[in-house]
Amino acid sequence: MRVAKRWLTTGASIAVACCFVGAQGPKRSGTMPLNSIVDALEKTQGAEFSYQVIREYRLFGANNSKADSDVVAEVNFRLPASPGYRIQKASGSNRGLQVVRGVLDHEVEATSSGNQARIALTRKNYDFTYIGETVLDGQPCYRLGLKPKRKEKELISGEAWIDEHSFFVRQVEGEVAKIPSWWLKSVRVKLAFAEIEGTWLQTSMEAVADVRIVGPHTLTSRILDFHGEAEVASNAPARSLVRKE
């Protein structure tokens, strides 16, 4: 099973576009101390690999149960090439397309070579606390508190759910450490992760931005299709980043 450092970037990207020492704290009462959990968590974030996902993004306006816009994007991570994306289709408000492009532009930048380490769930970026154990989607997990060591829009202040068997992250939820715009009162994100064809990656996202004057707006994403490393490697080289002027 593979996992990459880039798994956390999409949630931090949302924060921009919606206008996403040793460990501290008590040890768990069982056999595994907090430091050991964090050690195992850090080891799961070291690998890099190629894959492609088709994501659907939906933007909801304040107090609106119907999506204002719907965007489908192909996102490519083909190493050693830089990440890239292509908008496949968009409907509804043009603002939704602008938001998604902002998210993807930021994701490409954040997951480019040399940038992954500063956004990973590691001791360099976070202080961790042990909250307890719980069951998420039928799987036992450790709940860890996350306190960013720097006020950056890529980091999240909140909680992480860590799979007790694999030590992969199953969920991250909280507020971005730095609000990227005066127009935003707050941005709260929820990221879900799971294994797809042997690759551990983000499967869904929800970001709620409290925008001054106009109220809360919600952006969601989910995976519609996935192509693993072997299939991606057999295709043509990655597309360059697509921008629409």
Protein backbone atom coordinates (compact mmCIF):
# COMPACT_ATOMS: atom_id res chain seq x y z
CA MET A 1 0.00 0.00 0.00
CA ARG A 2 1.38 3.41 -0.96
CA VAL A 3 0.90 6.85 0.54
CA ALA A 4 2.30 10.28 -0.35
CA LYS A 5 3.03 13.52 1.50
CA ARG A 6 0.75 15.38 -0.88
CA TRP A 7 -2.41 13.85 0.65
CA LEU A 8 -3.15 16.89 2.81
CA THR A 9 -2.84 19.63 0.21
CA THR A 10 -6.35 19.82 -1.17
CA GLY A 11 -7.89 20.85 2.13
CA ALA A 12 -5.38 23.64 2.50
CA SER A 13 -6.05 24.72 -1.08
CA ILE A 14 -9.73 25.19 -0.28
CA ALA A 15 -8.84 27.81 2.31
CA VAL A 16 -7.38 30.02 -0.41
CA ALA A 17 -10.10 29.55 -2.98
CA CYS A 18 -13.30 29.72 -0.96
CA CYS A 19 -13.53 33.58 -1.01
CA PHE A 20 -7.64 24.90 2.38
CA VAL A 21 10.47 19.42 19.15
CA GLY A 22 8.72 16.20 20.16
CA ALA A 23 5.04 15.58 20.34
CA GLN A 24 3.41 17.08 23.40
CA GLY A 25 0.53 15.89 25.57
CA PRO A 26 -0.46 12.82 27.60
CA LYS A 27 0.26 9.29 26.52
CA ARG A 28 -2.60 6.93 25.82
CA SER A 29 -3.53 4.58 28.62
CA GLY A 30 -2.79 1.47 26.52
CA THR A 31 0.45 0.06 25.17
CA MET A 32 1.25 2.67 22.52
CA PRO A 33 2.39 6.14 23.63
CA LEU A 34 1.67 9.28 21.64
CA ASN A 35 5.25 9.59 20.40
CA SER A 36 5.07 6.10 18.90
CA ILE A 37 1.80 6.90 17.13
CA VAL A 38 3.32 10.05 15.63
CA ASP A 39 6.48 8.16 14.64
CA ALA A 40 4.38 5.63 12.73
CA LEU A 41 2.24 8.38 11.20
CA GLU A 42 5.31 10.21 9.87
CA LYS A 43 6.61 7.03 8.23
CA THR A 44 3.41 6.64 6.17
CA GLN A 45 3.97 9.99 4.47
CA GLY A 46 7.34 9.38 2.83
CA ALA A 47 6.56 7.79 -0.54
CA GLU A 48 5.64 9.44 -3.84
CA PHE A 49 3.85 7.84 -6.77
CA SER A 50 1.89 8.52 -9.93
CA TYR A 51 -1.88 8.49 -10.23
CA GLN A 52 -4.83 10.29 -11.81
CA VAL A 53 -8.21 11.17 -10.36
CA ILE A 54 -11.38 12.63 -11.81
CA ARG A 55 -12.98 14.88 -9.19
CA GLU A 56 -16.38 16.55 -9.03
CA TYR A 57 -16.47 19.91 -7.23
CA ARG A 58 -19.72 21.55 -6.13
CA LEU A 59 -20.12 25.06 -4.74
CA PHE A 60 -23.13 25.94 -2.59
CA GLY A 61 -24.10 29.52 -1.79
CA ALA A 62 -25.34 30.80 1.55
CA ASN A 63 -28.54 29.07 2.71
CA ASN A 64 -28.89 27.26 -0.60
CA SER A 65 -29.43 23.48 -0.72
CA LYS A 66 -28.89 23.41 -4.49
CA ALA A 67 -25.38 23.74 -5.90
CA ASP A 68 -24.60 27.06 -7.57
CA SER A 69 -22.01 25.36 -9.78
CA ASP A 70 -20.69 21.93 -10.67
CA VAL A 71 -17.15 21.38 -12.01
CA VAL A 72 -15.44 18.14 -13.09
CA ALA A 73 -11.64 18.15 -13.26
CA GLU A 74 -8.97 15.63 -14.21
CA VAL A 75 -5.99 15.90 -11.84
CA ASN A 76 -2.70 14.22 -12.79
CA PHE A 77 0.22 13.29 -10.58
CA ARG A 78 2.76 11.70 -12.92
CA LEU A 79 6.24 11.61 -11.45
CA PRO A 80 8.76 13.02 -12.07
CA ALA A 81 6.68 15.55 -14.04
CA SER A 82 4.98 18.37 -12.18
CA PRO A 83 1.32 17.86 -11.24
CA GLY A 84 -1.26 19.19 -13.68
CA TYR A 85 -5.01 19.37 -14.21
CA ARG A 86 -7.63 19.81 -16.90
CA ILE A 87 -11.18 21.09 -16.45
CA GLN A 88 -13.44 18.57 -18.18
CA LYS A 89 -16.74 20.41 -17.78
CA ALA A 90 -18.38 23.16 -15.75
CA SER A 91 -21.98 24.28 -15.25
CA GLY A 92 -23.78 26.90 -13.22
CA SER A 93 -22.19 30.01 -11.76
CA ASN A 94 -18.84 31.02 -13.27
CA ARG A 95 -17.68 31.83 -9.75
CA GLY A 96 -17.58 28.11 -9.00
CA LEU A 97 -15.18 27.54 -11.89
CA GLN A 98 -12.96 30.37 -10.63
CA VAL A 99 -12.95 28.87 -7.14
CA VAL A 100 -12.01 25.40 -8.41
CA ARG A 101 -9.22 26.78 -10.59
CA GLY A 102 -7.86 28.60 -7.56
CA VAL A 103 -7.98 25.36 -5.55
CA LEU A 104 -6.20 23.37 -8.26
CA ASP A 105 -3.59 26.05 -8.94
CA HIS A 106 -2.73 26.04 -5.24
CA GLU A 107 -2.71 22.25 -5.09
CA VAL A 108 -0.25 22.07 -8.00
CA GLU A 109 2.03 24.57 -6.25
CA ALA A 110 1.78 22.87 -2.87
CA THR A 111 2.47 19.37 -4.21
CA SER A 112 5.36 20.33 -6.46
CA SER A 113 8.81 19.04 -5.59
CA GLY A 114 10.21 20.61 -2.43
CA ASN A 115 6.89 21.82 -1.03
CA GLN A 116 5.36 18.64 0.40
CA ALA A 117 7.36 18.55 3.63
CA ARG A 118 6.00 21.86 4.91
CA ILE A 119 2.37 20.66 4.76
CA ALA A 120 2.71 17.08 6.07
CA LEU A 121 1.43 15.87 9.44
CA THR A 122 4.84 15.83 11.12
CA ARG A 123 6.46 17.26 14.23
CA LYS A 124 8.09 19.96 12.11
CA ASN A 125 4.66 21.37 11.35
CA TYR A 126 2.47 20.37 14.31
CA ASP A 127 2.30 19.76 18.04
CA PHE A 128 0.22 16.64 18.67
CA THR A 129 -2.00 15.70 21.60
CA TYR A 130 -3.70 12.37 22.29
CA ILE A 131 -7.50 12.70 22.51
CA GLY A 132 -8.66 9.09 22.58
CA GLU A 133 -9.75 6.12 20.52
CA THR A 134 -12.82 5.84 18.35
CA VAL A 135 -14.29 3.91 15.42
CA LEU A 136 -14.58 5.65 12.04
CA ASP A 137 -16.24 3.89 9.10
CA GLY A 138 -15.94 0.61 10.99
CA GLN A 139 -12.19 1.00 11.61
CA PRO A 140 -10.56 1.63 15.02
CA CYS A 141 -8.67 4.93 15.06
CA TYR A 142 -6.56 7.11 17.31
CA ARG A 143 -7.80 10.69 17.60
CA LEU A 144 -4.99 13.22 17.73
CA GLY A 145 -5.23 16.96 18.30
CA LEU A 146 -3.40 19.14 15.78
CA LYS A 147 -1.83 22.46 16.74
CA PRO A 148 0.08 24.12 13.88
CA LYS A 149 3.51 25.50 14.76
CA ARG A 150 3.10 28.31 12.23
CA LYS A 151 0.19 30.43 11.08
CA GLU A 152 0.03 29.29 7.47
CA LYS A 153 -2.98 28.72 5.25
CA GLU A 154 -1.72 25.22 4.36
CA LEU A 155 -1.93 23.98 7.97
CA ILE A 156 -5.05 22.92 9.88
CA SER A 157 -5.87 23.45 13.55
CA GLY A 158 -8.12 20.62 14.64
CA GLU A 159 -8.06 16.82 14.82
CA ALA A 160 -6.81 13.82 12.85
CA TRP A 161 -8.16 10.27 12.90
CA ILE A 162 -5.30 7.75 12.49
CA ASP A 163 -5.98 4.12 11.55
CA GLU A 164 -4.80 1.93 14.45
CA HIS A 165 -3.55 -0.85 12.15
CA SER A 166 -1.95 0.99 9.22
CA PHE A 167 -1.33 4.42 10.84
CA PHE A 168 -2.64 6.08 7.70
CA VAL A 169 -4.83 9.15 8.13
CA ARG A 170 -8.54 8.44 7.73
CA GLN A 171 -9.88 11.92 8.44
CA VAL A 172 -8.71 15.47 9.21
CA GLU A 173 -11.08 18.17 10.42
CA GLY A 174 -10.55 21.71 11.67
CA GLU A 175 -9.94 25.35 10.75
CA VAL A 176 -7.11 26.67 8.62
CA ALA A 177 -4.33 28.17 10.71
CA LYS A 178 -4.29 31.42 8.73
CA ILE A 179 -7.26 33.06 7.05
CA PRO A 180 -6.08 34.07 3.56
CA SER A 181 -8.42 37.02 3.05
CA TRP A 182 -10.13 39.77 5.06
CA TRP A 183 -13.38 38.75 3.39
CA LEU A 184 -13.31 35.41 5.20
CA LYS A 185 -14.22 35.19 8.88
CA SER A 186 -13.28 31.52 9.08
CA VAL A 187 -12.65 28.45 6.91
CA ARG A 188 -13.37 24.97 8.26
CA VAL A 189 -12.37 21.86 6.32
CA LYS A 190 -13.12 18.15 6.56
CA LEU A 191 -10.99 15.70 4.58
CA ALA A 192 -11.67 11.97 4.24
CA PHE A 193 -9.12 9.35 3.11
CA ALA A 194 -9.27 5.71 2.06
CA GLU A 195 -7.47 3.06 0.03
CA ILE A 196 -8.27 2.79 -3.68
CA GLU A 197 -6.54 0.00 -5.61
CA GLY A 198 -3.62 -0.10 -3.19
CA THR A 199 -3.15 3.67 -3.01
CA TRP A 200 -4.10 5.70 0.07
CA LEU A 201 -5.45 9.10 -0.92
CA GLN A 202 -8.01 11.77 -0.21
CA THR A 203 -11.46 10.65 -1.35
CA SER A 204 -13.65 13.60 -0.37
CA MET A 205 -13.54 17.12 1.01
CA GLU A 206 -15.89 19.67 2.49
CA ALA A 207 -14.85 23.27 3.15
CA VAL A 208 -17.14 25.86 4.70
CA ALA A 209 -16.09 29.50 4.43
CA ASP A 210 -17.91 32.17 6.43
CA VAL A 211 -17.74 35.09 4.01
CA ARG A 212 -18.35 38.60 5.31
CA ILE A 213 -21.61 40.21 4.15
CA VAL A 214 -22.79 37.27 1.99
CA GLY A 215 -22.60 34.49 4.61
CA PRO A 216 -21.34 30.90 4.51
CA HIS A 217 -20.38 29.14 1.28
CA THR A 218 -19.55 25.44 0.97
CA LEU A 219 -17.26 23.71 -1.50
CA THR A 220 -17.23 19.91 -1.75
CA SER A 221 -15.29 17.42 -3.83
CA ARG A 222 -15.47 13.69 -4.43
CA ILE A 223 -13.68 11.20 -6.65
CA LEU A 224 -15.58 10.02 -9.71
CA ASP A 225 -12.77 7.89 -11.20
CA PHE A 226 -9.25 6.75 -10.33
CA HIS A 227 -6.32 5.48 -12.42
CA GLY A 228 -3.39 3.92 -10.60
CA GLU A 229 0.34 4.07 -11.19
CA ALA A 230 0.57 1.24 -13.73
CA GLU A 231 -2.25 2.62 -15.88
CA VAL A 232 -0.95 6.19 -15.67
CA ALA A 233 2.57 5.10 -16.65
CA SER A 234 1.27 3.47 -19.84
CA ASN A 235 -0.42 6.68 -21.00
CA ALA A 236 1.04 9.77 -22.61
CA PRO A 237 3.16 12.22 -20.57
CA ALA A 238 1.31 14.45 -18.13
CA ARG A 239 -0.49 17.48 -19.47
CA SER A 240 0.90 20.82 -18.42
CA LEU A 241 -1.12 22.94 -16.02
CA VAL A 242 -4.16 24.26 -17.86
CA ARG A 243 -5.27 27.83 -17.18
CA LYS A 244 -8.27 29.55 -18.70
CA GLU A 245 -7.86 33.26 -19.18
